Amino acid sequence: QVQLVESGGGLVQTGDSRRLSCTASGGTFSTYAMAWFRQAPGKERMFVAGSSRGGTDTAYADSVKGRFSISRDNAKNTVYLQMNSLKPADTAVYYCAAEVGGSYYYAPRTSGGMDYWGKGTLVTVSS
């Protein structure tokens, strides 16, 4: 059974940066395409960023493009989400997800193919 554990959430100010981490256990991390999603209060969960298995392709939601960056360290079984220039609209619970056997070359862009999910970490951006 694959387990994903997010960390790095907390309370930040508008304009601050924050890095989220998601560490996987119980499987072979290098065989997973990875993605981050978020769910704001009262809203549906939405895609934020994705990374192909090989890490060479990444994808971003328009709302975070240019501010957020996804990366992965297969040796540490960890995927990161670097968030810069944070805004109150970024306030949400952030979830990482893994797609077993996902594409080596293309990053996931939807939740449809995700097989495992973490429990989430809350990021609150104050104005």
Protein backbone atom coordinates (compact mmCIF):
# COMPACT_ATOMS: atom_id res chain seq x y z
CA GLN A 1 0.00 0.00 0.00
CA VAL A 2 1.38 3.37 -1.02
CA GLN A 3 1.26 6.16 1.54
CA LEU A 4 1.75 9.82 0.76
CA VAL A 5 2.45 12.33 3.50
CA GLU A 6 2.44 16.05 2.84
CA SER A 7 4.23 18.61 4.98
CA GLY A 8 5.17 22.27 4.89
CA GLY A 9 1.81 23.95 5.23
CA GLY A 10 1.13 26.80 7.59
CA LEU A 11 0.22 30.46 7.88
CA VAL A 12 2.05 32.86 5.58
CA GLN A 13 1.73 36.48 4.49
CA THR A 14 0.81 37.72 1.03
CA GLY A 15 3.91 37.71 -1.15
CA ASP A 16 5.71 35.06 0.90
CA SER A 17 7.14 31.81 -0.39
CA ARG A 18 6.56 28.32 0.92
CA ARG A 19 7.73 24.86 -0.07
CA LEU A 20 5.50 21.85 0.35
CA SER A 21 6.88 18.33 0.43
CA CYS A 22 5.20 15.01 -0.18
CA THR A 23 7.05 11.81 0.72
CA ALA A 24 5.93 8.42 -0.54
CA SER A 25 6.38 5.07 1.12
CA GLY A 26 5.31 1.52 0.39
CA GLY A 27 6.03 1.50 -3.32
CA THR A 28 8.45 2.43 -6.07
CA PHE A 29 8.35 6.21 -6.31
CA SER A 30 10.13 6.39 -9.64
CA THR A 31 7.22 4.57 -11.29
CA TYR A 32 4.70 7.22 -10.29
CA ALA A 33 3.67 10.36 -12.07
CA MET A 34 2.97 12.90 -9.33
CA ALA A 35 0.69 15.87 -8.96
CA TRP A 36 -0.49 18.49 -6.51
CA PHE A 37 -4.11 19.52 -6.08
CA ARG A 38 -5.79 21.96 -3.75
CA GLN A 39 -9.21 22.52 -2.28
CA ALA A 40 -10.25 25.91 -1.00
CA PRO A 41 -13.08 26.28 1.52
CA GLY A 42 -16.42 25.73 -0.17
CA LYS A 43 -14.86 24.87 -3.53
CA GLU A 44 -14.06 21.75 -5.48
CA ARG A 45 -10.62 20.23 -5.53
CA MET A 46 -8.58 21.52 -8.44
CA PHE A 47 -5.37 20.60 -10.22
CA VAL A 48 -2.33 22.71 -9.33
CA ALA A 49 0.77 21.08 -10.82
CA GLY A 50 1.94 17.77 -12.25
CA SER A 51 5.23 16.02 -12.95
CA SER A 52 5.90 13.15 -15.31
CA ARG A 53 7.57 10.04 -13.98
CA GLY A 54 10.88 11.15 -15.40
CA GLY A 55 10.44 14.69 -14.13
CA THR A 56 11.12 16.17 -17.56
CA ASP A 57 7.58 17.34 -18.19
CA THR A 58 5.64 19.55 -15.81
CA ALA A 59 2.21 21.12 -16.01
CA TYR A 60 0.55 23.95 -14.10
CA ALA A 61 -2.85 25.46 -13.61
CA ASP A 62 -3.10 28.90 -15.17
CA SER A 63 -3.71 30.43 -11.75
CA VAL A 64 -0.28 29.36 -10.47
CA LYS A 65 1.81 29.40 -13.64
CA GLY A 66 4.95 31.45 -13.15
CA ARG A 67 4.62 31.40 -9.36
CA PHE A 68 4.62 27.70 -8.44
CA SER A 69 7.14 25.04 -9.38
CA ILE A 70 6.90 21.27 -9.01
CA SER A 71 9.99 19.10 -8.72
CA ARG A 72 10.83 15.62 -7.60
CA ASP A 73 13.72 13.80 -6.00
CA ASN A 74 13.37 10.11 -6.76
CA ALA A 75 16.24 9.24 -4.43
CA LYS A 76 14.25 10.73 -1.55
CA ASN A 77 10.83 9.49 -2.73
CA THR A 78 9.68 13.08 -2.50
CA VAL A 79 7.87 15.59 -4.67
CA TYR A 80 7.97 19.29 -3.87
CA LEU A 81 5.79 22.27 -4.62
CA GLN A 82 7.64 25.57 -4.41
CA MET A 83 5.12 28.36 -4.03
CA ASN A 84 6.21 31.96 -4.55
CA SER A 85 4.34 35.27 -4.49
CA LEU A 86 1.53 33.73 -2.50
CA LYS A 87 -1.90 35.34 -2.55
CA PRO A 88 -4.94 34.96 -0.29
CA ALA A 89 -6.59 33.10 -3.19
CA ASP A 90 -3.96 30.36 -2.75
CA THR A 91 -5.41 29.51 0.67
CA ALA A 92 -6.41 25.85 0.53
CA VAL A 93 -5.66 22.34 1.66
CA TYR A 94 -2.96 21.03 -0.66
CA TYR A 95 -2.92 17.36 -1.59
CA CYS A 96 -0.33 15.34 -3.40
CA ALA A 97 -1.34 12.38 -5.52
CA ALA A 98 0.39 9.54 -7.34
CA GLU A 99 -0.48 7.89 -10.62
CA VAL A 100 0.99 4.39 -10.69
CA GLY A 101 2.62 3.67 -14.01
CA GLY A 102 1.92 7.16 -15.27
CA SER A 103 3.65 8.47 -18.36
CA TYR A 104 7.40 8.86 -18.21
CA TYR A 105 7.24 11.77 -20.63
CA TYR A 106 3.99 13.60 -19.95
CA ALA A 107 2.81 15.19 -16.71
CA PRO A 108 -0.68 14.48 -15.40
CA ARG A 109 -3.12 17.37 -15.64
CA THR A 110 -6.26 15.93 -14.08
CA SER A 111 -7.26 13.90 -11.06
CA GLY A 112 -8.79 11.12 -13.13
CA GLY A 113 -5.72 8.92 -13.25
CA MET A 114 -4.56 9.34 -9.67
CA ASP A 115 -4.35 6.14 -7.65
CA TYR A 116 -3.17 7.36 -4.25
CA TRP A 117 -3.75 10.55 -2.28
CA GLY A 118 -2.24 12.13 0.78
CA LYS A 119 -4.32 13.61 3.57
CA GLY A 120 -3.36 17.15 2.74
CA THR A 121 -1.63 20.10 4.34
CA LEU A 122 -3.28 23.46 4.95
CA VAL A 123 -1.78 26.64 3.55
CA THR A 124 -3.32 29.88 4.74
CA VAL A 125 -2.26 33.13 3.12
CA SER A 126 -3.18 36.24 5.06
CA SER A 127 -3.60 39.63 3.44
